[in-house]
């Protein structure tokens, strides 16, 4: 297992080794049958993007990024025997990474509530290192990211998943429907509910409203 997790190198989390869907499917079948080399190669192909998904959901400075990424890989390998290639191995892996990150987000919130009672506290200084926007634009963007992560923590799982797949990972409605084995209409409904909740949260955030007014 440690050999597999060594492929989760943050230095390479912006992309995976190129592989055709058929190659990934073959590796997944072999890994599910107990082939350790196939499992290792599969993680080499998918580990980078799984790490990137976890980091995008949690934020670059979240303390649980590495643990959550490792949990995602372990969950992927554990789920392979039940995988039937309905949505493609990459989509399957990315959805597992997303669900693992959402679970880590919620565990962190619970931990904060039990340790210091500040479950609503977030890092407002979370601006990404590669942001090159103006200080005002960066502050607004950062605050929005904080609110989105709070929202993902508060929403029902299925709505949070659809919202994150669409707006954080850029999946289309049809891709989300295929990955989750649901109808596109169900995805649209979940996205609508998620967007309504986000709109209410943005309207209720006095600090963001003040920033937008000042910036305007």
N, C-alpha and C. Protein backbone atom coordinates (compact mmCIF):
# COMPACT_ATOMS: atom_id res chain seq x y z
N UNK A 1 0.82 -1.20 0.00
CA UNK A 1 0.00 0.00 0.00
C UNK A 1 0.86 1.26 0.00
N UNK A 2 1.92 1.28 0.79
CA UNK A 2 2.79 2.45 0.81
C UNK A 2 3.39 2.71 -0.56
N UNK A 3 3.71 1.65 -1.29
CA UNK A 3 4.25 1.80 -2.64
C UNK A 3 3.25 2.53 -3.53
N UNK A 4 1.97 2.18 -3.39
CA UNK A 4 0.95 2.83 -4.20
C UNK A 4 0.79 4.29 -3.81
N UNK A 5 0.77 4.58 -2.52
CA UNK A 5 0.55 5.94 -2.06
C UNK A 5 1.71 6.86 -2.37
N UNK A 6 2.88 6.30 -2.62
CA UNK A 6 4.02 7.12 -3.00
C UNK A 6 3.79 7.84 -4.33
N UNK A 7 2.83 7.37 -5.11
CA UNK A 7 2.54 8.02 -6.40
C UNK A 7 1.75 9.30 -6.21
N UNK A 8 1.25 9.56 -5.00
CA UNK A 8 0.52 10.80 -4.74
C UNK A 8 1.51 11.91 -4.42
N UNK A 9 2.23 12.33 -5.40
CA UNK A 9 3.25 13.36 -5.23
C UNK A 9 2.64 14.72 -5.55
N UNK A 10 2.55 15.64 -4.55
CA UNK A 10 1.97 16.95 -4.81
C UNK A 10 2.65 17.69 -5.93
N UNK A 11 3.88 17.39 -6.21
CA UNK A 11 4.59 18.08 -7.28
C UNK A 11 4.03 17.75 -8.65
N UNK A 12 3.29 16.64 -8.74
CA UNK A 12 2.77 16.22 -10.04
C UNK A 12 1.25 16.17 -10.05
N UNK A 13 0.61 16.96 -9.16
CA UNK A 13 -0.83 16.83 -9.03
C UNK A 13 -1.62 17.57 -10.09
N UNK A 14 -0.98 18.21 -11.03
CA UNK A 14 -1.71 18.95 -12.05
C UNK A 14 -2.05 18.09 -13.26
N UNK A 15 -1.61 16.86 -13.28
CA UNK A 15 -1.94 16.01 -14.42
C UNK A 15 -1.50 14.59 -14.17
N UNK A 16 -2.09 13.67 -14.92
CA UNK A 16 -1.74 12.26 -14.79
C UNK A 16 -0.93 11.81 -15.99
N UNK A 17 -0.37 10.63 -15.88
CA UNK A 17 0.27 10.03 -17.03
C UNK A 17 -0.81 9.71 -18.07
N UNK A 18 -0.59 10.03 -19.33
CA UNK A 18 -1.64 9.80 -20.34
C UNK A 18 -1.94 8.31 -20.49
N UNK A 19 -3.22 8.01 -20.58
CA UNK A 19 -3.64 6.61 -20.77
C UNK A 19 -5.00 6.61 -21.46
N UNK A 20 -5.18 5.67 -22.38
CA UNK A 20 -6.46 5.54 -23.07
C UNK A 20 -7.48 4.90 -22.13
N UNK A 21 -8.78 5.20 -22.33
CA UNK A 21 -9.81 4.59 -21.48
C UNK A 21 -9.74 3.07 -21.46
N UNK A 22 -9.45 2.46 -22.59
CA UNK A 22 -9.36 1.00 -22.62
C UNK A 22 -8.20 0.49 -21.76
N UNK A 23 -7.10 1.23 -21.78
CA UNK A 23 -5.94 0.83 -20.96
C UNK A 23 -6.29 0.93 -19.48
N UNK A 24 -6.97 2.02 -19.10
CA UNK A 24 -7.38 2.18 -17.70
C UNK A 24 -8.35 1.09 -17.29
N UNK A 25 -9.26 0.75 -18.18
CA UNK A 25 -10.23 -0.31 -17.87
C UNK A 25 -9.52 -1.64 -17.65
N UNK A 26 -8.53 -1.94 -18.48
CA UNK A 26 -7.77 -3.18 -18.31
C UNK A 26 -7.00 -3.19 -17.01
N UNK A 27 -6.39 -2.06 -16.68
CA UNK A 27 -5.66 -1.97 -15.41
C UNK A 27 -6.61 -2.14 -14.23
N UNK A 28 -7.80 -1.55 -14.33
CA UNK A 28 -8.77 -1.65 -13.24
C UNK A 28 -9.21 -3.10 -13.04
N UNK A 29 -9.45 -3.81 -14.14
CA UNK A 29 -9.84 -5.22 -14.02
C UNK A 29 -8.73 -6.05 -13.39
N UNK A 30 -7.51 -5.81 -13.82
CA UNK A 30 -6.39 -6.57 -13.27
C UNK A 30 -6.17 -6.24 -11.80
N UNK A 31 -6.27 -4.94 -11.46
CA UNK A 31 -6.10 -4.54 -10.06
C UNK A 31 -7.19 -5.15 -9.19
N UNK A 32 -8.42 -5.19 -9.70
CA UNK A 32 -9.52 -5.78 -8.94
C UNK A 32 -9.30 -7.27 -8.69
N UNK A 33 -8.57 -7.90 -9.62
CA UNK A 33 -8.28 -9.33 -9.48
C UNK A 33 -7.07 -9.59 -8.59
N UNK A 34 -6.45 -8.54 -8.07
CA UNK A 34 -5.34 -8.71 -7.14
C UNK A 34 -3.97 -8.47 -7.72
N UNK A 35 -3.87 -7.94 -8.93
CA UNK A 35 -2.58 -7.67 -9.57
C UNK A 35 -2.00 -6.38 -8.99
N UNK A 36 -0.98 -6.51 -8.14
CA UNK A 36 -0.40 -5.34 -7.46
C UNK A 36 0.27 -4.40 -8.44
N UNK A 37 0.92 -4.93 -9.46
CA UNK A 37 1.57 -4.07 -10.44
C UNK A 37 0.54 -3.24 -11.21
N UNK A 38 -0.58 -3.85 -11.55
CA UNK A 38 -1.64 -3.12 -12.25
C UNK A 38 -2.21 -2.03 -11.35
N UNK A 39 -2.37 -2.34 -10.07
CA UNK A 39 -2.88 -1.34 -9.13
C UNK A 39 -1.92 -0.16 -9.03
N UNK A 40 -0.62 -0.47 -8.96
CA UNK A 40 0.38 0.59 -8.89
C UNK A 40 0.37 1.46 -10.14
N UNK A 41 0.26 0.84 -11.31
CA UNK A 41 0.23 1.59 -12.56
C UNK A 41 -1.04 2.43 -12.65
N UNK A 42 -2.16 1.88 -12.20
CA UNK A 42 -3.41 2.63 -12.22
C UNK A 42 -3.31 3.89 -11.36
N UNK A 43 -2.70 3.76 -10.19
CA UNK A 43 -2.53 4.93 -9.31
C UNK A 43 -1.58 5.94 -9.94
N UNK A 44 -0.57 5.46 -10.66
CA UNK A 44 0.32 6.38 -11.37
C UNK A 44 -0.45 7.21 -12.39
N UNK A 45 -1.43 6.58 -13.04
CA UNK A 45 -2.21 7.28 -14.06
C UNK A 45 -3.23 8.24 -13.46
N UNK A 46 -3.82 7.87 -12.32
CA UNK A 46 -4.94 8.63 -11.78
C UNK A 46 -4.64 9.41 -10.51
N UNK A 47 -3.53 9.09 -9.85
CA UNK A 47 -3.25 9.69 -8.55
C UNK A 47 -3.11 11.20 -8.59
N UNK A 48 -2.51 11.73 -9.66
CA UNK A 48 -2.30 13.17 -9.73
C UNK A 48 -3.60 13.94 -9.78
N UNK A 49 -4.51 13.52 -10.63
CA UNK A 49 -5.78 14.24 -10.74
C UNK A 49 -6.65 14.02 -9.50
N UNK A 50 -6.55 12.86 -8.86
CA UNK A 50 -7.29 12.64 -7.62
C UNK A 50 -6.78 13.59 -6.53
N UNK A 51 -5.47 13.74 -6.44
CA UNK A 51 -4.90 14.67 -5.47
C UNK A 51 -5.37 16.09 -5.77
N UNK A 52 -5.38 16.47 -7.05
CA UNK A 52 -5.79 17.82 -7.43
C UNK A 52 -7.25 18.08 -7.06
N UNK A 53 -8.11 17.09 -7.23
CA UNK A 53 -9.52 17.24 -6.87
C UNK A 53 -9.66 17.46 -5.37
N UNK A 54 -8.97 16.65 -4.59
CA UNK A 54 -9.02 16.79 -3.13
C UNK A 54 -8.55 18.19 -2.73
N UNK A 55 -7.48 18.65 -3.35
CA UNK A 55 -6.94 19.96 -3.00
C UNK A 55 -7.90 21.08 -3.39
N UNK A 56 -8.58 20.95 -4.52
CA UNK A 56 -9.51 21.99 -4.96
C UNK A 56 -10.72 22.07 -4.06
N UNK A 57 -11.17 20.93 -3.55
CA UNK A 57 -12.33 20.92 -2.66
C UNK A 57 -11.97 21.44 -1.27
N UNK A 58 -10.83 21.01 -0.74
CA UNK A 58 -10.45 21.37 0.62
C UNK A 58 -9.76 22.73 0.70
N UNK A 59 -9.09 23.15 -0.37
CA UNK A 59 -8.26 24.36 -0.32
C UNK A 59 -6.81 23.97 -0.15
N UNK A 60 -5.93 24.78 -0.73
CA UNK A 60 -4.52 24.43 -0.76
C UNK A 60 -3.89 24.28 0.62
N UNK A 61 -4.40 25.00 1.60
CA UNK A 61 -3.75 25.03 2.91
C UNK A 61 -4.43 24.13 3.94
N UNK A 62 -5.38 23.34 3.53
CA UNK A 62 -6.08 22.47 4.47
C UNK A 62 -5.13 21.40 5.01
N UNK A 63 -5.22 21.17 6.30
CA UNK A 63 -4.29 20.24 6.96
C UNK A 63 -4.50 18.79 6.56
N UNK A 64 -5.68 18.46 6.04
CA UNK A 64 -6.01 17.06 5.78
C UNK A 64 -5.86 16.65 4.31
N UNK A 65 -5.23 17.48 3.49
CA UNK A 65 -5.13 17.17 2.06
C UNK A 65 -4.46 15.83 1.82
N UNK A 66 -3.29 15.63 2.37
CA UNK A 66 -2.54 14.39 2.12
C UNK A 66 -3.30 13.16 2.60
N UNK A 67 -3.86 13.25 3.81
CA UNK A 67 -4.61 12.11 4.34
C UNK A 67 -5.84 11.81 3.49
N UNK A 68 -6.54 12.85 3.07
CA UNK A 68 -7.74 12.65 2.26
C UNK A 68 -7.39 12.05 0.90
N UNK A 69 -6.29 12.51 0.30
CA UNK A 69 -5.87 11.97 -0.99
C UNK A 69 -5.52 10.49 -0.86
N UNK A 70 -4.83 10.12 0.21
CA UNK A 70 -4.50 8.72 0.44
C UNK A 70 -5.77 7.90 0.68
N UNK A 71 -6.70 8.47 1.44
CA UNK A 71 -7.98 7.77 1.68
C UNK A 71 -8.72 7.55 0.36
N UNK A 72 -8.63 8.54 -0.54
CA UNK A 72 -9.30 8.41 -1.84
C UNK A 72 -8.73 7.26 -2.65
N UNK A 73 -7.42 7.14 -2.66
CA UNK A 73 -6.78 6.05 -3.41
C UNK A 73 -7.16 4.70 -2.80
N UNK A 74 -7.13 4.63 -1.48
CA UNK A 74 -7.51 3.38 -0.81
C UNK A 74 -8.96 3.03 -1.14
N UNK A 75 -9.84 4.05 -1.13
CA UNK A 75 -11.24 3.81 -1.46
C UNK A 75 -11.41 3.35 -2.90
N UNK A 76 -10.63 3.95 -3.81
CA UNK A 76 -10.70 3.54 -5.22
C UNK A 76 -10.32 2.08 -5.37
N UNK A 77 -9.20 1.68 -4.79
CA UNK A 77 -8.74 0.29 -4.93
C UNK A 77 -9.73 -0.67 -4.28
N UNK A 78 -10.34 -0.25 -3.16
CA UNK A 78 -11.31 -1.10 -2.50
C UNK A 78 -12.60 -1.25 -3.28
N UNK A 79 -12.92 -0.23 -4.10
CA UNK A 79 -14.17 -0.25 -4.85
C UNK A 79 -14.04 -0.93 -6.21
N UNK A 80 -12.83 -1.16 -6.67
CA UNK A 80 -12.63 -1.72 -8.02
C UNK A 80 -13.34 -3.05 -8.26
N UNK A 81 -13.40 -3.96 -7.28
CA UNK A 81 -14.11 -5.23 -7.55
C UNK A 81 -15.58 -5.05 -7.91
N UNK A 82 -16.19 -3.92 -7.50
CA UNK A 82 -17.60 -3.66 -7.79
C UNK A 82 -17.77 -2.77 -9.02
N UNK A 83 -16.67 -2.31 -9.60
CA UNK A 83 -16.75 -1.40 -10.74
C UNK A 83 -17.14 -2.16 -12.00
N UNK A 84 -18.12 -1.63 -12.74
CA UNK A 84 -18.62 -2.29 -13.95
C UNK A 84 -18.39 -1.45 -15.20
N UNK A 85 -17.54 -0.43 -15.08
CA UNK A 85 -17.16 0.40 -16.23
C UNK A 85 -18.35 1.13 -16.85
N UNK A 86 -19.34 1.48 -16.02
CA UNK A 86 -20.50 2.21 -16.54
C UNK A 86 -20.13 3.62 -16.96
N UNK A 87 -19.14 4.22 -16.30
CA UNK A 87 -18.85 5.63 -16.56
C UNK A 87 -17.39 5.89 -16.90
N UNK A 88 -16.58 4.87 -17.03
CA UNK A 88 -15.17 5.07 -17.29
C UNK A 88 -14.38 5.13 -16.00
N UNK A 89 -13.18 4.60 -16.00
CA UNK A 89 -12.39 4.49 -14.78
C UNK A 89 -12.01 5.86 -14.23
N UNK A 90 -11.66 6.80 -15.12
CA UNK A 90 -11.24 8.13 -14.65
C UNK A 90 -12.40 8.83 -13.93
N UNK A 91 -13.59 8.79 -14.52
CA UNK A 91 -14.75 9.41 -13.86
C UNK A 91 -15.02 8.74 -12.52
N UNK A 92 -14.91 7.43 -12.50
CA UNK A 92 -15.12 6.67 -11.26
C UNK A 92 -14.13 7.12 -10.19
N UNK A 93 -12.87 7.24 -10.55
CA UNK A 93 -11.84 7.65 -9.60
C UNK A 93 -12.04 9.08 -9.14
N UNK A 94 -12.41 9.96 -10.07
CA UNK A 94 -12.60 11.37 -9.71
C UNK A 94 -13.79 11.55 -8.78
N UNK A 95 -14.84 10.77 -9.01
CA UNK A 95 -16.00 10.87 -8.12
C UNK A 95 -15.65 10.38 -6.72
N UNK A 96 -14.86 9.32 -6.63
CA UNK A 96 -14.43 8.82 -5.33
C UNK A 96 -13.57 9.88 -4.63
N UNK A 97 -12.67 10.52 -5.37
CA UNK A 97 -11.84 11.58 -4.78
C UNK A 97 -12.70 12.72 -4.26
N UNK A 98 -13.71 13.09 -5.03
CA UNK A 98 -14.60 14.17 -4.62
C UNK A 98 -15.36 13.80 -3.35
N UNK A 99 -15.95 12.60 -3.32
CA UNK A 99 -16.72 12.19 -2.15
C UNK A 99 -15.82 12.09 -0.92
N UNK A 100 -14.60 11.62 -1.11
CA UNK A 100 -13.66 11.53 0.01
C UNK A 100 -13.31 12.92 0.53
N UNK A 101 -13.11 13.87 -0.38
CA UNK A 101 -12.78 15.24 0.02
C UNK A 101 -13.95 15.88 0.76
N UNK A 102 -15.18 15.66 0.28
CA UNK A 102 -16.34 16.21 0.95
C UNK A 102 -16.47 15.65 2.37
N UNK A 103 -16.19 14.36 2.51
CA UNK A 103 -16.24 13.75 3.85
C UNK A 103 -15.18 14.36 4.75
N UNK A 104 -13.98 14.60 4.21
CA UNK A 104 -12.92 15.22 5.00
C UNK A 104 -13.29 16.64 5.40
N UNK A 105 -13.95 17.35 4.51
CA UNK A 105 -14.40 18.72 4.80
C UNK A 105 -15.35 18.72 5.99
N UNK A 106 -16.24 17.76 6.01
CA UNK A 106 -17.23 17.70 7.09
C UNK A 106 -16.60 17.23 8.40
N UNK A 107 -15.67 16.30 8.31
CA UNK A 107 -14.99 15.87 9.54
C UNK A 107 -14.21 17.02 10.16
N UNK A 108 -13.58 17.83 9.32
CA UNK A 108 -12.83 18.97 9.83
C UNK A 108 -13.76 19.96 10.53
N UNK A 109 -14.94 20.15 9.97
CA UNK A 109 -15.91 21.08 10.58
C UNK A 109 -16.34 20.57 11.95
N UNK A 110 -16.63 19.27 12.04
CA UNK A 110 -17.02 18.68 13.32
C UNK A 110 -15.89 18.81 14.32
N UNK A 111 -14.67 18.56 13.87
CA UNK A 111 -13.51 18.66 14.75
C UNK A 111 -13.37 20.07 15.33
N UNK A 112 -13.60 21.08 14.49
CA UNK A 112 -13.52 22.46 14.97
C UNK A 112 -14.59 22.74 16.02
N UNK A 113 -15.78 22.22 15.78
CA UNK A 113 -16.86 22.47 16.74
C UNK A 113 -16.54 21.88 18.10
N UNK A 114 -15.91 20.71 18.10
CA UNK A 114 -15.62 20.05 19.37
C UNK A 114 -14.39 20.63 20.06
N UNK A 115 -13.47 21.19 19.29
CA UNK A 115 -12.23 21.68 19.90
C UNK A 115 -12.33 23.11 20.41
N UNK A 116 -12.91 24.01 19.59
CA UNK A 116 -12.95 25.40 20.05
C UNK A 116 -14.26 26.11 19.77
N UNK A 117 -15.28 25.34 19.34
CA UNK A 117 -16.58 25.94 19.14
C UNK A 117 -16.67 26.88 17.96
N UNK A 118 -15.67 26.87 17.09
CA UNK A 118 -15.65 27.83 15.98
C UNK A 118 -15.89 27.11 14.66
N UNK A 119 -16.99 26.38 14.59
CA UNK A 119 -17.28 25.62 13.39
C UNK A 119 -17.46 26.46 12.16
N UNK A 120 -17.77 27.74 12.32
CA UNK A 120 -17.96 28.62 11.17
C UNK A 120 -16.70 29.39 10.81
N UNK A 121 -15.62 29.16 11.53
CA UNK A 121 -14.39 29.89 11.26
C UNK A 121 -13.71 29.32 10.03
N UNK A 122 -13.24 30.16 9.15
CA UNK A 122 -12.52 29.74 7.96
C UNK A 122 -11.28 30.60 7.79
N UNK A 123 -10.35 30.12 6.98
CA UNK A 123 -9.15 30.88 6.70
C UNK A 123 -9.44 31.88 5.60
N UNK A 124 -9.59 33.14 5.98
CA UNK A 124 -9.85 34.17 4.98
C UNK A 124 -8.60 34.50 4.18
N UNK A 125 -7.45 34.12 4.69
CA UNK A 125 -6.20 34.41 3.97
C UNK A 125 -5.78 33.22 3.13
N UNK A 126 -6.74 32.57 2.49
CA UNK A 126 -6.49 31.33 1.77
C UNK A 126 -6.15 31.56 0.30
N UNK A 127 -5.84 32.78 -0.08
CA UNK A 127 -5.58 33.08 -1.49
C UNK A 127 -4.53 32.14 -2.04
N UNK A 128 -4.80 31.62 -3.24
CA UNK A 128 -3.89 30.66 -3.83
C UNK A 128 -2.58 31.33 -4.21
N UNK A 129 -1.50 30.58 -4.16
CA UNK A 129 -0.18 31.14 -4.43
C UNK A 129 -0.05 31.64 -5.85
N UNK A 130 -0.84 31.07 -6.77
CA UNK A 130 -0.69 31.46 -8.16
C UNK A 130 -1.72 32.50 -8.58
N UNK A 131 -2.48 33.06 -7.62
CA UNK A 131 -3.41 34.14 -7.96
C UNK A 131 -2.63 35.37 -8.39
N UNK A 132 -3.03 35.99 -9.48
CA UNK A 132 -2.34 37.19 -9.95
C UNK A 132 -3.31 38.35 -10.10
N UNK A 133 -4.53 38.19 -9.57
CA UNK A 133 -5.51 39.26 -9.67
C UNK A 133 -5.18 40.38 -8.70
N UNK A 134 -5.94 41.47 -8.79
CA UNK A 134 -5.75 42.59 -7.89
C UNK A 134 -6.07 42.15 -6.47
N UNK A 135 -5.55 42.86 -5.45
CA UNK A 135 -5.85 42.46 -4.06
C UNK A 135 -7.34 42.40 -3.77
N UNK A 136 -8.11 43.36 -4.30
CA UNK A 136 -9.55 43.34 -4.06
C UNK A 136 -10.19 42.12 -4.70
N UNK A 137 -9.86 41.87 -5.97
CA UNK A 137 -10.44 40.73 -6.68
C UNK A 137 -10.06 39.42 -6.01
N UNK A 138 -8.81 39.32 -5.55
CA UNK A 138 -8.36 38.12 -4.87
C UNK A 138 -9.12 37.91 -3.57
N UNK A 139 -9.37 38.98 -2.82
CA UNK A 139 -10.09 38.88 -1.56
C UNK A 139 -11.52 38.41 -1.79
N UNK A 140 -12.19 38.98 -2.79
CA UNK A 140 -13.55 38.56 -3.11
C UNK A 140 -13.57 37.10 -3.55
N UNK A 141 -12.63 36.72 -4.42
CA UNK A 141 -12.57 35.35 -4.91
C UNK A 141 -12.32 34.38 -3.76
N UNK A 142 -11.43 34.75 -2.85
CA UNK A 142 -11.13 33.90 -1.70
C UNK A 142 -12.35 33.73 -0.82
N UNK A 143 -13.06 34.83 -0.57
CA UNK A 143 -14.24 34.76 0.27
C UNK A 143 -15.31 33.88 -0.37
N UNK A 144 -15.45 33.97 -1.67
CA UNK A 144 -16.42 33.11 -2.36
C UNK A 144 -16.04 31.64 -2.20
N UNK A 145 -14.74 31.34 -2.34
CA UNK A 145 -14.30 29.94 -2.18
C UNK A 145 -14.63 29.44 -0.78
N UNK A 146 -14.41 30.29 0.23
CA UNK A 146 -14.72 29.92 1.60
C UNK A 146 -16.20 29.60 1.73
N UNK A 147 -17.04 30.46 1.16
CA UNK A 147 -18.48 30.25 1.25
C UNK A 147 -18.91 28.97 0.53
N UNK A 148 -18.31 28.70 -0.63
CA UNK A 148 -18.65 27.49 -1.36
C UNK A 148 -18.29 26.26 -0.54
N UNK A 149 -17.13 26.28 0.10
CA UNK A 149 -16.73 25.13 0.92
C UNK A 149 -17.64 24.98 2.13
N UNK A 150 -18.05 26.10 2.73
CA UNK A 150 -19.01 26.01 3.82
C UNK A 150 -20.33 25.41 3.33
N UNK A 151 -20.75 25.83 2.15
CA UNK A 151 -22.00 25.34 1.59
C UNK A 151 -21.93 23.85 1.31
N UNK A 152 -20.81 23.38 0.76
CA UNK A 152 -20.66 21.96 0.48
C UNK A 152 -20.74 21.15 1.77
N UNK A 153 -20.28 21.74 2.86
CA UNK A 153 -20.32 21.07 4.15
C UNK A 153 -21.75 20.98 4.68
N UNK A 154 -22.58 21.97 4.31
CA UNK A 154 -23.92 22.05 4.89
C UNK A 154 -24.99 21.35 4.06
N UNK A 155 -24.79 21.21 2.77
CA UNK A 155 -25.81 20.66 1.88
C UNK A 155 -25.93 19.14 2.03
N UNK A 156 -27.09 18.58 1.67
CA UNK A 156 -27.20 17.12 1.59
C UNK A 156 -26.15 16.56 0.63
N UNK A 157 -25.70 15.34 0.87
CA UNK A 157 -24.59 14.77 0.11
C UNK A 157 -24.82 14.82 -1.40
N UNK A 158 -26.01 14.43 -1.86
CA UNK A 158 -26.22 14.32 -3.30
C UNK A 158 -26.18 15.69 -3.97
N UNK A 159 -26.67 16.72 -3.28
CA UNK A 159 -26.64 18.06 -3.85
C UNK A 159 -25.22 18.62 -3.83
N UNK A 160 -24.52 18.40 -2.73
CA UNK A 160 -23.13 18.86 -2.64
C UNK A 160 -22.27 18.19 -3.72
N UNK A 161 -22.50 16.92 -3.95
CA UNK A 161 -21.73 16.19 -4.96
C UNK A 161 -21.98 16.77 -6.36
N UNK A 162 -23.25 16.98 -6.70
CA UNK A 162 -23.57 17.53 -8.02
C UNK A 162 -22.98 18.92 -8.20
N UNK A 163 -23.09 19.75 -7.17
CA UNK A 163 -22.58 21.11 -7.23
C UNK A 163 -21.07 21.11 -7.43
N UNK A 164 -20.37 20.26 -6.67
CA UNK A 164 -18.91 20.21 -6.77
C UNK A 164 -18.46 19.63 -8.11
N UNK A 165 -19.12 18.59 -8.58
CA UNK A 165 -18.76 17.99 -9.86
C UNK A 165 -18.91 19.01 -11.00
N UNK A 166 -19.97 19.80 -10.94
CA UNK A 166 -20.25 20.73 -12.03
C UNK A 166 -19.41 22.00 -11.95
N UNK A 167 -19.36 22.63 -10.77
CA UNK A 167 -18.76 23.95 -10.67
C UNK A 167 -17.30 23.93 -10.23
N UNK A 168 -16.87 22.89 -9.55
CA UNK A 168 -15.47 22.81 -9.14
C UNK A 168 -14.66 21.98 -10.13
N UNK A 169 -15.23 20.86 -10.58
CA UNK A 169 -14.49 19.97 -11.47
C UNK A 169 -14.84 20.16 -12.93
N UNK A 170 -15.92 20.90 -13.24
CA UNK A 170 -16.24 21.21 -14.62
C UNK A 170 -16.92 20.10 -15.40
N UNK A 171 -17.52 19.14 -14.72
CA UNK A 171 -18.23 18.07 -15.42
C UNK A 171 -19.54 18.62 -16.00
N UNK A 172 -19.94 18.11 -17.16
CA UNK A 172 -21.22 18.48 -17.74
C UNK A 172 -22.34 17.73 -17.03
N UNK A 173 -23.57 18.17 -17.26
CA UNK A 173 -24.72 17.50 -16.66
C UNK A 173 -24.79 16.04 -17.10
N UNK A 174 -24.55 15.80 -18.38
CA UNK A 174 -24.60 14.42 -18.88
C UNK A 174 -23.51 13.56 -18.25
N UNK A 175 -22.32 14.13 -18.05
CA UNK A 175 -21.22 13.37 -17.43
C UNK A 175 -21.55 13.05 -15.98
N UNK A 176 -22.14 13.99 -15.28
CA UNK A 176 -22.51 13.74 -13.88
C UNK A 176 -23.58 12.65 -13.82
N UNK A 177 -24.55 12.74 -14.72
CA UNK A 177 -25.62 11.73 -14.74
C UNK A 177 -25.05 10.34 -15.01
N UNK A 178 -24.10 10.26 -15.95
CA UNK A 178 -23.48 8.97 -16.28
C UNK A 178 -22.68 8.43 -15.10
N UNK A 179 -21.89 9.30 -14.46
CA UNK A 179 -21.05 8.86 -13.35
C UNK A 179 -21.87 8.42 -12.15
N UNK A 180 -22.99 9.10 -11.90
CA UNK A 180 -23.80 8.79 -10.73
C UNK A 180 -24.96 7.83 -11.03
N UNK A 181 -25.09 7.44 -12.31
CA UNK A 181 -26.16 6.54 -12.73
C UNK A 181 -27.53 7.10 -12.39
N UNK A 182 -27.74 8.38 -12.73
CA UNK A 182 -29.03 9.02 -12.53
C UNK A 182 -29.40 9.75 -13.82
N UNK A 183 -30.61 10.28 -13.89
CA UNK A 183 -31.04 10.97 -15.10
C UNK A 183 -30.51 12.40 -15.13
N UNK A 184 -30.30 12.97 -16.32
CA UNK A 184 -29.89 14.38 -16.41
C UNK A 184 -30.87 15.31 -15.71
N UNK A 185 -32.17 15.01 -15.77
CA UNK A 185 -33.15 15.86 -15.10
C UNK A 185 -32.93 15.90 -13.59
N UNK A 186 -32.52 14.75 -13.03
CA UNK A 186 -32.22 14.72 -11.60
C UNK A 186 -31.01 15.59 -11.29
N UNK A 187 -30.00 15.54 -12.16
CA UNK A 187 -28.82 16.38 -11.98
C UNK A 187 -29.20 17.85 -12.03
N UNK A 188 -30.02 18.24 -13.03
CA UNK A 188 -30.46 19.62 -13.15
C UNK A 188 -31.19 20.07 -11.89
N UNK A 189 -32.03 19.20 -11.35
CA UNK A 189 -32.77 19.53 -10.14
C UNK A 189 -31.83 19.76 -8.96
N UNK A 190 -30.83 18.89 -8.82
CA UNK A 190 -29.88 19.04 -7.71
C UNK A 190 -29.04 20.31 -7.87
N UNK A 191 -28.64 20.60 -9.10
CA UNK A 191 -27.88 21.82 -9.34
C UNK A 191 -28.72 23.06 -9.04
N UNK A 192 -29.98 23.02 -9.40
CA UNK A 192 -30.86 24.16 -9.13
C UNK A 192 -30.98 24.40 -7.62
N UNK A 193 -31.16 23.33 -6.86
CA UNK A 193 -31.25 23.47 -5.41
C UNK A 193 -29.93 23.98 -4.82
N UNK A 194 -28.83 23.48 -5.36
CA UNK A 194 -27.53 23.93 -4.88
C UNK A 194 -27.29 25.39 -5.19
N UNK A 195 -27.65 25.83 -6.39
CA UNK A 195 -27.46 27.23 -6.76
C UNK A 195 -28.34 28.16 -5.93
N UNK A 196 -29.55 27.70 -5.62
CA UNK A 196 -30.42 28.50 -4.76
C UNK A 196 -29.82 28.67 -3.37
N UNK A 197 -29.25 27.59 -2.84
CA UNK A 197 -28.62 27.66 -1.52
C UNK A 197 -27.40 28.57 -1.56
N UNK A 198 -26.62 28.49 -2.64
CA UNK A 198 -25.44 29.35 -2.76
C UNK A 198 -25.86 30.82 -2.85
N UNK A 199 -26.91 31.09 -3.60
CA UNK A 199 -27.39 32.47 -3.73
C UNK A 199 -27.81 33.03 -2.37
N UNK A 200 -28.51 32.21 -1.59
CA UNK A 200 -28.93 32.67 -0.26
C UNK A 200 -27.72 32.92 0.63
N UNK A 201 -26.71 32.06 0.50
CA UNK A 201 -25.53 32.23 1.34
C UNK A 201 -24.75 33.48 0.95
N UNK A 202 -24.63 33.73 -0.34
CA UNK A 202 -23.95 34.94 -0.80
C UNK A 202 -24.69 36.18 -0.35
N UNK A 203 -26.02 36.16 -0.44
CA UNK A 203 -26.80 37.31 -0.01
C UNK A 203 -26.71 37.54 1.49
N UNK A 204 -26.50 36.46 2.24
CA UNK A 204 -26.43 36.58 3.69
C UNK A 204 -25.06 36.86 4.24
N UNK A 205 -24.05 36.97 3.35
CA UNK A 205 -22.69 37.21 3.81
C UNK A 205 -22.40 38.71 3.76
N UNK A 206 -22.44 39.35 4.91
CA UNK A 206 -22.28 40.80 4.97
C UNK A 206 -20.91 41.23 4.48
N UNK A 207 -19.90 40.43 4.79
CA UNK A 207 -18.55 40.83 4.40
C UNK A 207 -18.39 40.82 2.88
N UNK A 208 -18.92 39.76 2.24
CA UNK A 208 -18.81 39.70 0.79
C UNK A 208 -19.62 40.83 0.15
N UNK A 209 -20.81 41.09 0.68
CA UNK A 209 -21.62 42.17 0.15
C UNK A 209 -20.88 43.50 0.25
N UNK A 210 -20.20 43.71 1.37
CA UNK A 210 -19.43 44.95 1.54
C UNK A 210 -18.29 45.02 0.54
N UNK A 211 -17.60 43.90 0.31
CA UNK A 211 -16.49 43.87 -0.64
C UNK A 211 -16.97 44.17 -2.05
N UNK A 212 -18.12 43.58 -2.42
CA UNK A 212 -18.65 43.80 -3.75
C UNK A 212 -19.08 45.25 -3.95
N UNK A 213 -19.63 45.83 -2.87
CA UNK A 213 -20.07 47.24 -2.96
C UNK A 213 -18.88 48.16 -3.09
N UNK A 214 -17.83 47.89 -2.32
CA UNK A 214 -16.62 48.70 -2.40
C UNK A 214 -15.97 48.55 -3.76
N UNK A 215 -15.92 47.30 -4.26
CA UNK A 215 -15.27 47.07 -5.55
C UNK A 215 -16.04 47.65 -6.69
N UNK A 216 -17.38 47.76 -6.55
CA UNK A 216 -18.17 48.29 -7.63
C UNK A 216 -17.93 49.76 -7.84
